PDB file of N, CA and C in Angstrom:
ATOM      1  N   MET A   1      16.414 -13.533  15.432  1.00  0.00           N
ATOM      2  CA  MET A   1      15.614 -12.710  14.559  1.00  0.00           C
ATOM      3  C   MET A   1      16.543 -11.906  13.672  1.00  0.00           C
ATOM      4  N   ARG A   2      16.118 -11.735  12.422  1.00  0.00           N
ATOM      5  CA  ARG A   2      16.900 -10.959  11.476  1.00  0.00           C
ATOM      6  C   ARG A   2      16.137  -9.727  11.045  1.00  0.00           C
ATOM      7  N   ILE A   3      16.856  -8.731  10.569  1.00  0.00           N
ATOM      8  CA  ILE A   3      16.269  -7.483  10.092  1.00  0.00           C
ATOM      9  C   ILE A   3      16.224  -7.539   8.574  1.00  0.00           C
ATOM     10  N   SER A   4      15.052  -7.263   8.003  1.00  0.00           N
ATOM     11  CA  SER A   4      14.880  -7.279   6.547  1.00  0.00           C
ATOM     12  C   SER A   4      15.133  -5.887   5.990  1.00  0.00           C
ATOM     13  N   ILE A   5      16.005  -5.805   4.976  1.00  0.00           N
ATOM     14  CA  ILE A   5      16.311  -4.539   4.319  1.00  0.00           C
ATOM     15  C   ILE A   5      15.993  -4.701   2.837  1.00  0.00           C
ATOM     16  N   VAL A   6      15.080  -3.863   2.331  1.00  0.00           N
ATOM     17  CA  VAL A   6      14.705  -3.883   0.922  1.00  0.00           C
ATOM     18  C   VAL A   6      14.932  -2.483   0.374  1.00  0.00           C
ATOM     19  N   ASP A   7      15.771  -2.379  -0.670  1.00  0.00           N
ATOM     20  CA  ASP A   7      16.057  -1.069  -1.254  1.00  0.00           C
ATOM     21  C   ASP A   7      14.862  -0.508  -2.011  1.00  0.00           C
ATOM     22  N   HIS A   8      14.173  -1.371  -2.795  1.00  0.00           N
ATOM     23  CA  HIS A   8      13.054  -0.897  -3.606  1.00  0.00           C
ATOM     24  C   HIS A   8      12.013  -2.009  -3.729  1.00  0.00           C
ATOM     25  N   ILE A   9      10.733  -1.644  -3.565  1.00  0.00           N
ATOM     26  CA  ILE A   9       9.647  -2.596  -3.776  1.00  0.00           C
ATOM     27  C   ILE A   9       8.622  -1.957  -4.704  1.00  0.00           C
ATOM     28  N   HIS A  10       8.161  -2.740  -5.679  1.00  0.00           N
ATOM     29  CA  HIS A  10       7.174  -2.260  -6.639  1.00  0.00           C
ATOM     30  C   HIS A  10       6.001  -3.237  -6.616  1.00  0.00           C
ATOM     31  N   VAL A  11       4.846  -2.769  -6.139  1.00  0.00           N
ATOM     32  CA  VAL A  11       3.630  -3.586  -6.037  1.00  0.00           C
ATOM     33  C   VAL A  11       2.581  -2.968  -6.945  1.00  0.00           C
ATOM     34  N   ILE A  12       1.982  -3.790  -7.810  1.00  0.00           N
ATOM     35  CA  ILE A  12       0.971  -3.278  -8.731  1.00  0.00           C
ATOM     36  C   ILE A  12      -0.424  -3.324  -8.096  1.00  0.00           C
ATOM     37  N   THR A  13      -0.834  -4.472  -7.530  1.00  0.00           N
ATOM     38  CA  THR A  13      -2.198  -4.621  -7.036  1.00  0.00           C
ATOM     39  C   THR A  13      -2.236  -5.430  -5.737  1.00  0.00           C
ATOM     40  N   VAL A  14      -3.025  -4.952  -4.778  1.00  0.00           N
ATOM     41  CA  VAL A  14      -3.336  -5.700  -3.556  1.00  0.00           C
ATOM     42  C   VAL A  14      -4.847  -5.585  -3.351  1.00  0.00           C
ATOM     43  N   LEU A  15      -5.553  -6.723  -3.426  1.00  0.00           N
ATOM     44  CA  LEU A  15      -7.008  -6.662  -3.238  1.00  0.00           C
ATOM     45  C   LEU A  15      -7.603  -7.968  -2.717  1.00  0.00           C
ATOM     46  N   LEU A  16      -8.914  -7.952  -2.515  1.00  0.00           N
ATOM     47  CA  LEU A  16      -9.718  -9.100  -2.085  1.00  0.00           C
ATOM     48  C   LEU A  16      -9.194  -9.789  -0.824  1.00  0.00           C
ATOM     49  N   GLY A  17      -9.102  -9.074   0.256  1.00  0.00           N
ATOM     50  CA  GLY A  17      -8.726  -9.676   1.527  1.00  0.00           C
ATOM     51  C   GLY A  17      -7.260 -10.026   1.648  1.00  0.00           C
ATOM     52  N   ALA A  18      -6.424  -9.467   0.800  1.00  0.00           N
ATOM     53  CA  ALA A  18      -4.993  -9.736   0.856  1.00  0.00           C
ATOM     54  C   ALA A  18      -4.322  -8.819   1.873  1.00  0.00           C
ATOM     55  N   VAL A  19      -3.122  -9.188   2.291  1.00  0.00           N
ATOM     56  CA  VAL A  19      -2.367  -8.418   3.281  1.00  0.00           C
ATOM     57  C   VAL A  19      -0.989  -8.096   2.708  1.00  0.00           C
ATOM     58  N   MET A  20      -0.623  -6.831   2.777  1.00  0.00           N
ATOM     59  CA  MET A  20       0.737  -6.388   2.437  1.00  0.00           C
ATOM     60  C   MET A  20       1.316  -5.834   3.737  1.00  0.00           C
ATOM     61  N   GLU A  21       2.265  -6.524   4.324  1.00  0.00           N
ATOM     62  CA  GLU A  21       2.749  -6.191   5.671  1.00  0.00           C
ATOM     63  C   GLU A  21       4.244  -5.915   5.633  1.00  0.00           C
ATOM     64  N   PHE A  22       4.645  -4.841   6.301  1.00  0.00           N
ATOM     65  CA  PHE A  22       6.055  -4.494   6.447  1.00  0.00           C
ATOM     66  C   PHE A  22       6.392  -4.519   7.929  1.00  0.00           C
ATOM     67  N   GLY A  23       7.387  -5.298   8.303  1.00  0.00           N
ATOM     68  CA  GLY A  23       7.778  -5.380   9.709  1.00  0.00           C
ATOM     69  C   GLY A  23       7.457  -6.742  10.285  1.00  0.00           C
ATOM     70  N   ASP A  24       7.773  -6.917  11.539  1.00  0.00           N
ATOM     71  CA  ASP A  24       7.549  -8.183  12.225  1.00  0.00           C
ATOM     72  C   ASP A  24       6.176  -8.182  12.871  1.00  0.00           C
ATOM     73  N   VAL A  25       5.500  -9.318  12.775  1.00  0.00           N
ATOM     74  CA  VAL A  25       4.161  -9.453  13.342  1.00  0.00           C
ATOM     75  C   VAL A  25       4.063 -10.755  14.122  1.00  0.00           C
ATOM     76  N   GLU A  26       3.153 -10.780  15.051  1.00  0.00           N
ATOM     77  CA  GLU A  26       2.891 -11.988  15.830  1.00  0.00           C
ATOM     78  C   GLU A  26       2.034 -12.966  15.029  1.00  0.00           C
ATOM     79  N   GLN A  27       0.951 -12.442  14.423  1.00  0.00           N
ATOM     80  CA  GLN A  27       0.009 -13.306  13.726  1.00  0.00           C
ATOM     81  C   GLN A  27      -0.618 -12.557  12.550  1.00  0.00           C
ATOM     82  N   ILE A  28      -0.786 -13.253  11.414  1.00  0.00           N
ATOM     83  CA  ILE A  28      -1.465 -12.684  10.251  1.00  0.00           C
ATOM     84  C   ILE A  28      -2.598 -13.630   9.868  1.00  0.00           C
ATOM     85  N   PRO A  29      -3.839 -13.290  10.213  1.00  0.00           N
ATOM     86  CA  PRO A  29      -4.958 -14.118   9.750  1.00  0.00           C
ATOM     87  C   PRO A  29      -5.599 -13.505   8.510  1.00  0.00           C
ATOM     88  N   THR A  30      -5.810 -14.300   7.466  1.00  0.00           N
ATOM     89  CA  THR A  30      -6.523 -13.827   6.280  1.00  0.00           C
ATOM     90  C   THR A  30      -7.601 -14.837   5.920  1.00  0.00           C
ATOM     91  N   GLN A  31      -8.719 -14.326   5.431  1.00  0.00           N
ATOM     92  CA  GLN A  31      -9.820 -15.191   5.036  1.00  0.00           C
ATOM     93  C   GLN A  31     -10.623 -14.514   3.937  1.00  0.00           C
ATOM     94  N   SER A  32     -11.017 -15.286   2.931  1.00  0.00           N
ATOM     95  CA  SER A  32     -11.844 -14.763   1.840  1.00  0.00           C
ATOM     96  C   SER A  32     -12.875 -15.796   1.451  1.00  0.00           C
ATOM     97  N   SER A  33     -14.061 -15.320   1.148  1.00  0.00           N
ATOM     98  CA  SER A  33     -15.115 -16.150   0.574  1.00  0.00           C
ATOM     99  C   SER A  33     -15.645 -15.406  -0.640  1.00  0.00           C
ATOM    100  N   VAL A  34     -15.593 -16.045  -1.786  1.00  0.00           N
ATOM    101  CA  VAL A  34     -15.997 -15.402  -3.031  1.00  0.00           C
ATOM    102  C   VAL A  34     -17.068 -16.250  -3.685  1.00  0.00           C
ATOM    103  N   PHE A  35     -18.152 -15.622  -4.123  1.00  0.00           N
ATOM    104  CA  PHE A  35     -19.200 -16.310  -4.870  1.00  0.00           C
ATOM    105  C   PHE A  35     -19.533 -15.452  -6.073  1.00  0.00           C
ATOM    106  N   ALA A  36     -19.369 -15.992  -7.264  1.00  0.00           N
ATOM    107  CA  ALA A  36     -19.686 -15.260  -8.487  1.00  0.00           C
ATOM    108  C   ALA A  36     -20.740 -16.046  -9.247  1.00  0.00           C
ATOM    109  N   SER A  37     -21.796 -15.392  -9.673  1.00  0.00           N
ATOM    110  CA  SER A  37     -22.869 -16.071 -10.378  1.00  0.00           C
ATOM    111  C   SER A  37     -23.393 -15.177 -11.487  1.00  0.00           C
ATOM    112  N   HIS A  38     -23.765 -15.779 -12.579  1.00  0.00           N
ATOM    113  CA  HIS A  38     -24.383 -15.017 -13.667  1.00  0.00           C
ATOM    114  C   HIS A  38     -25.876 -15.353 -13.667  1.00  0.00           C
ATOM    115  N   GLN A  39     -26.393 -16.053 -14.630  1.00  0.00           N
ATOM    116  CA  GLN A  39     -27.802 -16.396 -14.666  1.00  0.00           C
ATOM    117  C   GLN A  39     -28.014 -17.809 -14.160  1.00  0.00           C
ATOM    118  N   LYS A  40     -29.154 -18.015 -13.510  1.00  0.00           N
ATOM    119  CA  LYS A  40     -29.503 -19.345 -13.041  1.00  0.00           C
ATOM    120  C   LYS A  40     -29.915 -20.187 -14.231  1.00  0.00           C
ATOM    121  N   SER A  41     -29.379 -21.377 -14.315  1.00  0.00           N
ATOM    122  CA  SER A  41     -29.697 -22.301 -15.394  1.00  0.00           C
ATOM    123  C   SER A  41     -30.279 -23.564 -14.797  1.00  0.00           C
ATOM    124  N   GLU A  42     -31.374 -24.028 -15.341  1.00  0.00           N
ATOM    125  CA  GLU A  42     -32.010 -25.250 -14.833  1.00  0.00           C
ATOM    126  C   GLU A  42     -31.136 -26.473 -15.076  1.00  0.00           C
ATOM    127  N   ASP A  43     -30.301 -26.416 -16.119  1.00  0.00           N
ATOM    128  CA  ASP A  43     -29.445 -27.560 -16.438  1.00  0.00           C
ATOM    129  C   ASP A  43     -28.265 -27.685 -15.479  1.00  0.00           C
ATOM    130  N   LEU A  44     -27.901 -26.594 -14.853  1.00  0.00           N
ATOM    131  CA  LEU A  44     -26.727 -26.609 -13.984  1.00  0.00           C
ATOM    132  C   LEU A  44     -26.986 -27.273 -12.645  1.00  0.00           C
ATOM    133  N   PHE A  45     -28.179 -27.139 -12.104  1.00  0.00           N
ATOM    134  CA  PHE A  45     -28.469 -27.606 -10.761  1.00  0.00           C
ATOM    135  C   PHE A  45     -29.302 -28.872 -10.781  1.00  0.00           C
ATOM    136  N   ASP A  46     -28.934 -29.815  -9.966  1.00  0.00           N
ATOM    137  CA  ASP A  46     -29.687 -31.046  -9.796  1.00  0.00           C
ATOM    138  C   ASP A  46     -29.897 -31.224  -8.303  1.00  0.00           C
ATOM    139  N   ASP A  47     -31.158 -31.368  -7.881  1.00  0.00           N
ATOM    140  CA  ASP A  47     -31.461 -31.478  -6.450  1.00  0.00           C
ATOM    141  C   ASP A  47     -30.892 -32.747  -5.832  1.00  0.00           C
ATOM    142  N   LYS A  48     -30.589 -33.737  -6.638  1.00  0.00           N
ATOM    143  CA  LYS A  48     -30.085 -35.008  -6.110  1.00  0.00           C
ATOM    144  C   LYS A  48     -28.578 -34.993  -5.892  1.00  0.00           C
ATOM    145  N   LYS A  49     -27.865 -34.099  -6.580  1.00  0.00           N
ATOM    146  CA  LYS A  49     -26.413 -34.025  -6.440  1.00  0.00           C
ATOM    147  C   LYS A  49     -26.034 -32.861  -5.530  1.00  0.00           C
ATOM    148  N   PRO A  50     -25.122 -33.080  -4.579  1.00  0.00           N
ATOM    149  CA  PRO A  50     -24.672 -31.960  -3.743  1.00  0.00           C
ATOM    150  C   PRO A  50     -23.825 -30.986  -4.565  1.00  0.00           C
ATOM    151  N   ILE A  51     -23.944 -29.708  -4.216  1.00  0.00           N
ATOM    152  CA  ILE A  51     -23.167 -28.677  -4.895  1.00  0.00           C
ATOM    153  C   ILE A  51     -21.889 -28.435  -4.103  1.00  0.00           C
ATOM    154  N   GLY A  52     -20.778 -28.454  -4.787  1.00  0.00           N
ATOM    155  CA  GLY A  52     -19.518 -28.123  -4.147  1.00  0.00           C
ATOM    156  C   GLY A  52     -18.793 -29.333  -3.591  1.00  0.00           C
ATOM    157  N   ILE A  53     -17.656 -29.059  -3.019  1.00  0.00           N
ATOM    158  CA  ILE A  53     -16.783 -30.073  -2.439  1.00  0.00           C
ATOM    159  C   ILE A  53     -16.568 -29.713  -0.981  1.00  0.00           C
ATOM    160  N   PRO A  54     -16.696 -30.661  -0.055  1.00  0.00           N
ATOM    161  CA  PRO A  54     -16.415 -30.330   1.347  1.00  0.00           C
ATOM    162  C   PRO A  54     -14.949 -29.968   1.535  1.00  0.00           C
ATOM    163  N   LEU A  55     -14.712 -28.879   2.233  1.00  0.00           N
ATOM    164  CA  LEU A  55     -13.352 -28.388   2.441  1.00  0.00           C
ATOM    165  C   LEU A  55     -12.884 -28.695   3.851  1.00  0.00           C
ATOM    166  N   PRO A  56     -11.596 -28.937   4.029  1.00  0.00           N
ATOM    167  CA  PRO A  56     -11.075 -29.153   5.387  1.00  0.00           C
ATOM    168  C   PRO A  56     -11.095 -27.852   6.171  1.00  0.00           C
ATOM    169  N   PRO A  57     -11.041 -27.923   7.496  1.00  0.00           N
ATOM    170  CA  PRO A  57     -11.008 -26.692   8.294  1.00  0.00           C
ATOM    171  C   PRO A  57      -9.702 -25.943   8.067  1.00  0.00           C
ATOM    172  N   PRO A  58      -9.676 -24.631   8.364  1.00  0.00           N
ATOM    173  CA  PRO A  58      -8.438 -23.864   8.187  1.00  0.00           C
ATOM    174  C   PRO A  58      -7.314 -24.408   9.057  1.00  0.00           C
ATOM    175  N   THR A  59      -6.105 -24.372   8.528  1.00  0.00           N
ATOM    176  CA  THR A  59      -4.946 -24.840   9.280  1.00  0.00           C
ATOM    177  C   THR A  59      -3.841 -23.795   9.227  1.00  0.00           C
ATOM    178  N   VAL A  60      -2.897 -23.901  10.119  1.00  0.00           N
ATOM    179  CA  VAL A  60      -1.756 -22.999  10.158  1.00  0.00           C
ATOM    180  C   VAL A  60      -0.824 -23.355   9.010  1.00  0.00           C
ATOM    181  N   ILE A  61      -0.476 -22.352   8.186  1.00  0.00           N
ATOM    182  CA  ILE A  61       0.406 -22.620   7.052  1.00  0.00           C
ATOM    183  C   ILE A  61       1.857 -22.245   7.349  1.00  0.00           C
ATOM    184  N   CYS A  62       2.082 -21.480   8.395  1.00  0.00           N
ATOM    185  CA  CYS A  62       3.446 -21.082   8.738  1.00  0.00           C
ATOM    186  C   CYS A  62       3.486 -20.835  10.241  1.00  0.00           C
ATOM    187  N   ALA A  63       4.127 -21.703  10.969  1.00  0.00           N
ATOM    188  CA  ALA A  63       4.201 -21.531  12.426  1.00  0.00           C
ATOM    189  C   ALA A  63       5.641 -21.701  12.880  1.00  0.00           C
ATOM    190  N   LYS A  64       6.078 -20.812  13.739  1.00  0.00           N
ATOM    191  CA  LYS A  64       7.409 -20.913  14.322  1.00  0.00           C
ATOM    192  C   LYS A  64       7.249 -21.255  15.794  1.00  0.00           C
ATOM    193  N   GLU A  65       7.851 -22.339  16.178  1.00  0.00           N
ATOM    194  CA  GLU A  65       7.825 -22.737  17.582  1.00  0.00           C
ATOM    195  C   GLU A  65       9.063 -22.163  18.271  1.00  0.00           C
ATOM    196  N   THR A  66       8.853 -21.594  19.424  1.00  0.00           N
ATOM    197  CA  THR A  66       9.976 -21.055  20.182  1.00  0.00           C
ATOM    198  C   THR A  66      10.356 -22.033  21.281  1.00  0.00           C
ATOM    199  N   SER A  67      11.619 -22.069  21.588  1.00  0.00           N
ATOM    200  CA  SER A  67      12.112 -22.917  22.672  1.00  0.00           C
ATOM    201  C   SER A  67      13.084 -22.103  23.511  1.00  0.00           C
ATOM    202  N   GLY A  68      13.703 -22.729  24.456  1.00  0.00           N
ATOM    203  CA  GLY A  68      14.634 -22.043  25.339  1.00  0.00           C
ATOM    204  C   GLY A  68      15.992 -21.791  24.709  1.00  0.00           C
ATOM    205  N   ILE A  69      16.159 -22.139  23.433  1.00  0.00           N
ATOM    206  CA  ILE A  69      17.444 -21.972  22.759  1.00  0.00           C
ATOM    207  C   ILE A  69      17.556 -20.547  22.220  1.00  0.00           C
ATOM    208  N   SER A  70      18.696 -19.917  22.468  1.00  0.00           N
ATOM    209  CA  SER A  70      18.914 -18.581  21.914  1.00  0.00           C
ATOM    210  C   SER A  70      19.902 -18.685  20.751  1.00  0.00           C
ATOM    211  N   THR A  71      19.717 -17.833  19.763  1.00  0.00           N
ATOM    212  CA  THR A  71      20.540 -17.852  18.555  1.00  0.00           C
ATOM    213  C   THR A  71      21.238 -16.513  18.389  1.00  0.00           C
ATOM    214  N   LEU A  72      22.493 -16.569  17.986  1.00  0.00           N
ATOM    215  CA  LEU A  72      23.250 -15.356  17.706  1.00  0.00           C
ATOM    216  C   LEU A  72      23.607 -15.363  16.226  1.00  0.00           C
ATOM    217  N   ASN A  73      23.063 -14.404  15.475  1.00  0.00           N
ATOM    218  CA  ASN A  73      23.373 -14.275  14.055  1.00  0.00           C
ATOM    219  C   ASN A  73      24.551 -13.319  13.904  1.00  0.00           C
ATOM    220  N   LEU A  74      25.603 -13.787  13.240  1.00  0.00           N
ATOM    221  CA  LEU A  74      26.774 -12.945  13.050  1.00  0.00           C
ATOM    222  C   LEU A  74      26.471 -11.781  12.111  1.00  0.00           C
ATOM    223  N   TYR A  75      25.596 -11.997  11.145  1.00  0.00           N
ATOM    224  CA  TYR A  75      25.141 -10.923  10.265  1.00  0.00           C
ATOM    225  C   TYR A  75      23.617 -10.946  10.289  1.00  0.00           C
ATOM    226  N   PRO A  76      22.980 -10.202  11.203  1.00  0.00           N
ATOM    227  CA  PRO A  76      21.527 -10.317  11.401  1.00  0.00           C
ATOM    228  C   PRO A  76      20.694  -9.510  10.412  1.00  0.00           C
ATOM    229  N   PHE A  77      21.126  -9.456   9.160  1.00  0.00           N
ATOM    230  CA  PHE A  77      20.389  -8.700   8.149  1.00  0.00           C
ATOM    231  C   PHE A  77      20.126  -9.569   6.926  1.00  0.00           C
ATOM    232  N   ILE A  78      18.947  -9.410   6.339  1.00  0.00           N
ATOM    233  CA  ILE A  78      18.631  -9.984   5.033  1.00  0.00           C
ATOM    234  C   ILE A  78      18.457  -8.791   4.109  1.00  0.00           C
ATOM    235  N   HIS A  79      19.371  -8.629   3.154  1.00  0.00           N
ATOM    236  CA  HIS A  79      19.375  -7.448   2.295  1.00  0.00           C
ATOM    237  C   HIS A  79      19.019  -7.852   0.867  1.00  0.00           C
ATOM    238  N   VAL A  80      17.954  -7.220   0.332  1.00  0.00           N
ATOM    239  CA  VAL A  80      17.485  -7.476  -1.029  1.00  0.00           C
ATOM    240  C   VAL A  80      17.435  -6.146  -1.758  1.00  0.00           C
ATOM    241  N   LYS A  81      17.940  -6.114  -2.991  1.00  0.00           N
ATOM    242  CA  LYS A  81      17.933  -4.860  -3.744  1.00  0.00           C
ATOM    243  C   LYS A  81      16.533  -4.467  -4.198  1.00  0.00           C
ATOM    244  N   GLN A  82      15.789  -5.414  -4.808  1.00  0.00           N
ATOM    245  CA  GLN A  82      14.492  -5.052  -5.376  1.00  0.00           C
ATOM    246  C   GLN A  82      13.533  -6.229  -5.313  1.00  0.00           C
ATOM    247  N   ILE A  83      12.250  -5.925  -5.052  1.00  0.00           N
ATOM    248  CA  ILE A  83      11.165  -6.902  -5.081  1.00  0.00           C
ATOM    249  C   ILE A  83      10.082  -6.358  -5.998  1.00  0.00           C
ATOM    250  N   ASP A  84       9.649  -7.162  -6.981  1.00  0.00           N
ATOM    251  CA  ASP A  84       8.552  -6.808  -7.876  1.00  0.00           C
ATOM    252  C   ASP A  84       7.399  -7.776  -7.630  1.00  0.00           C
ATOM    253  N   ILE A  85       6.226  -7.239  -7.291  1.00  0.00           N
ATOM    254  CA  ILE A  85       5.032  -8.047  -7.040  1.00  0.00           C
ATOM    255  C   ILE A  85       3.944  -7.585  -8.004  1.00  0.00           C
ATOM    256  N   ASN A  86       3.476  -8.495  -8.854  1.00  0.00           N
ATOM    257  CA  ASN A  86       2.393  -8.155  -9.776  1.00  0.00           C
ATOM    258  C   ASN A  86       1.066  -8.007  -9.039  1.00  0.00           C
ATOM    259  N   GLY A  87       0.769  -8.921  -8.122  1.00  0.00           N
ATOM    260  CA  GLY A  87      -0.491  -8.824  -7.401  1.00  0.00           C
ATOM    261  C   GLY A  87      -0.554  -9.779  -6.231  1.00  0.00           C
ATOM    262  N   VAL A  88      -1.290  -9.363  -5.205  1.00  0.00           N
ATOM    263  CA  VAL A  88      -1.579 -10.187  -4.037  1.00  0.00           C
ATOM    264  C   VAL A  88      -3.091 -10.160  -3.887  1.00  0.00           C
ATOM    265  N   SER A  89      -3.726 -11.337  -3.883  1.00  0.00           N
ATOM    266  CA  SER A  89      -5.183 -11.366  -3.867  1.00  0.00           C
ATOM    267  C   SER A  89      -5.704 -12.608  -3.161  1.00  0.00           C
ATOM    268  N   THR A  90      -6.950 -12.549  -2.748  1.00  0.00           N
ATOM    269  CA  THR A  90      -7.719 -13.660  -2.192  1.00  0.00           C
ATOM    270  C   THR A  90      -6.968 -14.370  -1.061  1.00  0.00           C
ATOM    271  N   SER A  91      -6.888 -13.721   0.068  1.00  0.00           N
ATOM    272  CA  SER A  91      -6.236 -14.232   1.279  1.00  0.00           C
ATOM    273  C   SER A  91      -4.735 -14.417   1.126  1.00  0.00           C
ATOM    274  N   GLY A  92      -4.126 -13.768   0.153  1.00  0.00           N
ATOM    275  CA  GLY A  92      -2.681 -13.853  -0.011  1.00  0.00           C
ATOM    276  C   GLY A  92      -1.964 -12.942   0.977  1.00  0.00           C
ATOM    277  N   ILE A  93      -0.742 -13.299   1.301  1.00  0.00           N
ATOM    278  CA  ILE A  93       0.062 -12.527   2.242  1.00  0.00           C
ATOM    279  C   ILE A  93       1.401 -12.206   1.589  1.00  0.00           C
ATOM    280  N   ALA A  94       1.752 -10.937   1.534  1.00  0.00           N
ATOM    281  CA  ALA A  94       3.086 -10.511   1.116  1.00  0.00           C
ATOM    282  C   ALA A  94       3.711  -9.857   2.353  1.00  0.00           C
ATOM    283  N   LEU A  95       4.710 -10.479   2.915  1.00  0.00           N
ATOM    284  CA  LEU A  95       5.299 -10.041   4.184  1.00  0.00           C
ATOM    285  C   LEU A  95       6.785  -9.791   3.998  1.00  0.00           C
ATOM    286  N   ILE A  96       7.213  -8.603   4.373  1.00  0.00           N
ATOM    287  CA  ILE A  96       8.634  -8.303   4.448  1.00  0.00           C
ATOM    288  C   ILE A  96       8.925  -8.150   5.931  1.00  0.00           C
ATOM    289  N   GLY A  97       9.522  -9.167   6.502  1.00  0.00           N
ATOM    290  CA  GLY A  97       9.740  -9.236   7.938  1.00  0.00           C
ATOM    291  C   GLY A  97       9.539 -10.676   8.375  1.00  0.00           C
ATOM    292  N   SER A  98       9.095 -10.867   9.597  1.00  0.00           N
ATOM    293  CA  SER A  98       8.860 -12.224  10.089  1.00  0.00           C
ATOM    294  C   SER A  98       7.501 -12.302  10.774  1.00  0.00           C
ATOM    295  N   ALA A  99       6.948 -13.501  10.786  1.00  0.00           N
ATOM    296  CA  ALA A  99       5.661 -13.758  11.433  1.00  0.00           C
ATOM    297  C   ALA A  99       5.773 -15.027  12.253  1.00  0.00           C
ATOM    298  N   ARG A 100       5.221 -14.984  13.424  1.00  0.00           N
ATOM    299  CA  ARG A 100       5.188 -16.171  14.266  1.00  0.00           C
ATOM    300  C   ARG A 100       4.161 -17.157  13.731  1.00  0.00           C
ATOM    301  N   GLN A 101       3.027 -16.640  13.252  1.00  0.00           N
ATOM    302  CA  GLN A 101       1.978 -17.512  12.739  1.00  0.00           C
ATOM    303  C   GLN A 101       1.246 -16.817  11.592  1.00  0.00           C
ATOM    304  N   ALA A 102       1.012 -17.558  10.503  1.00  0.00           N
ATOM    305  CA  ALA A 102       0.267 -17.029   9.361  1.00  0.00           C
ATOM    306  C   ALA A 102      -0.834 -18.019   9.010  1.00  0.00           C
ATOM    307  N   ASN A 103      -2.078 -17.552   9.019  1.00  0.00           N
ATOM    308  CA  ASN A 103      -3.221 -18.387   8.674  1.00  0.00           C
ATOM    309  C   ASN A 103      -3.862 -17.848   7.411  1.00  0.00           C
ATOM    310  N   GLY A 104      -4.151 -18.729   6.470  1.00  0.00           N
ATOM    311  CA  GLY A 104      -4.828 -18.318   5.248  1.00  0.00           C
ATOM    312  C   GLY A 104      -5.926 -19.297   4.907  1.00  0.00           C
ATOM    313  N   TYR A 105      -7.100 -18.773   4.555  1.00  0.00           N
ATOM    314  CA  TYR A 105      -8.220 -19.634   4.201  1.00  0.00           C
ATOM    315  C   TYR A 105      -9.017 -18.949   3.104  1.00  0.00           C
ATOM    316  N   CYS A 106      -9.339 -19.680   2.059  1.00  0.00           N
ATOM    317  CA  CYS A 106     -10.056 -19.098   0.934  1.00  0.00           C
ATOM    318  C   CYS A 106     -11.035 -20.114   0.373  1.00  0.00           C
ATOM    319  N   THR A 107     -12.273 -19.685   0.117  1.00  0.00           N
ATOM    320  CA  THR A 107     -13.251 -20.511  -0.573  1.00  0.00           C
ATOM    321  C   THR A 107     -13.766 -19.732  -1.782  1.00  0.00           C
ATOM    322  N   LEU A 108     -13.867 -20.409  -2.906  1.00  0.00           N
ATOM    323  CA  LEU A 108     -14.332 -19.790  -4.144  1.00  0.00           C
ATOM    324  C   LEU A 108     -15.433 -20.651  -4.754  1.00  0.00           C
ATOM    325  N   LYS A 109     -16.414 -20.017  -5.349  1.00  0.00           N
ATOM    326  CA  LYS A 109     -17.428 -20.719  -6.117  1.00  0.00           C
ATOM    327  C   LYS A 109     -17.822 -19.815  -7.262  1.00  0.00           C
ATOM    328  N   ASN A 110     -17.810 -20.345  -8.466  1.00  0.00           N
ATOM    329  CA  ASN A 110     -18.119 -19.556  -9.639  1.00  0.00           C
ATOM    330  C   ASN A 110     -19.125 -20.337 -10.475  1.00  0.00           C
ATOM    331  N   VAL A 111     -20.345 -19.838 -10.637  1.00  0.00           N
ATOM    332  CA  VAL A 111     -21.390 -20.491 -11.407  1.00  0.00           C
ATOM    333  C   VAL A 111     -21.745 -19.584 -12.568  1.00  0.00           C
ATOM    334  N   ARG A 112     -21.696 -20.120 -13.783  1.00  0.00           N
ATOM    335  CA  ARG A 112     -22.051 -19.323 -14.958  1.00  0.00           C
ATOM    336  C   ARG A 112     -22.993 -20.135 -15.846  1.00  0.00           C
ATOM    337  N   ASN A 113     -23.867 -19.464 -16.515  1.00  0.00           N
ATOM    338  CA  ASN A 113     -24.750 -20.074 -17.496  1.00  0.00           C
ATOM    339  C   ASN A 113     -24.151 -19.832 -18.868  1.00  0.00           C
ATOM    340  N   LEU A 114     -23.587 -20.858 -19.440  1.00  0.00           N
ATOM    341  CA  LEU A 114     -22.977 -20.735 -20.769  1.00  0.00           C
ATOM    342  C   LEU A 114     -24.034 -21.087 -21.806  1.00  0.00           C
ATOM    343  N   SER A 115     -24.465 -20.113 -22.561  1.00  0.00           N
ATOM    344  CA  SER A 115     -25.502 -20.347 -23.554  1.00  0.00           C
ATOM    345  C   SER A 115     -24.885 -20.582 -24.931  1.00  0.00           C
ATOM    346  N   ASP A 116     -25.668 -21.222 -25.788  1.00  0.00           N
ATOM    347  CA  ASP A 116     -25.228 -21.452 -27.166  1.00  0.00           C
ATOM    348  C   ASP A 116     -25.203 -20.141 -27.933  1.00  0.00           C
ATOM    349  N   ARG A 117     -24.231 -19.996 -28.790  1.00  0.00           N
ATOM    350  CA  ARG A 117     -24.123 -18.755 -29.568  1.00  0.00           C
ATOM    351  C   ARG A 117     -24.504 -18.992 -30.997  1.00  0.00           C
TER     352      ARG A 117
END
C-alpha cells in the first residue's frame, strides 16, 4: 500500500450521486438513475416498439485481489503537486487514495418534444 500526498486540489463541482473520497476505502458503490422529460409527443412513442435499450447488470470496474504475497515499497509515497477537477457527476468517483473495490452504475433517459419553430 502506498500513501497519497497531494499539495493542492481544486474541485469545481461534485453532484448527481458522485463521490469525492480522500483516503483508503474498502468499497465505493455509486449508482444513478436519471430521467428527463419535457412534453409528451404522440409522434415519439409507438406501442409496437420497445422504449430504450436493455442494459447489462452492474459489474465491478476496479477490483484488487489480495493473495499471500507481501510487498515492500522502497518509497511508499505517491506525491502530486496539484490536481484540477472540473466536475464529477452521475455515479463518478474521484478518489485520492486506494480502493479494494469500486462499483459504478448509471442509467440515463432523456425524452424531449422538439417542435417546429
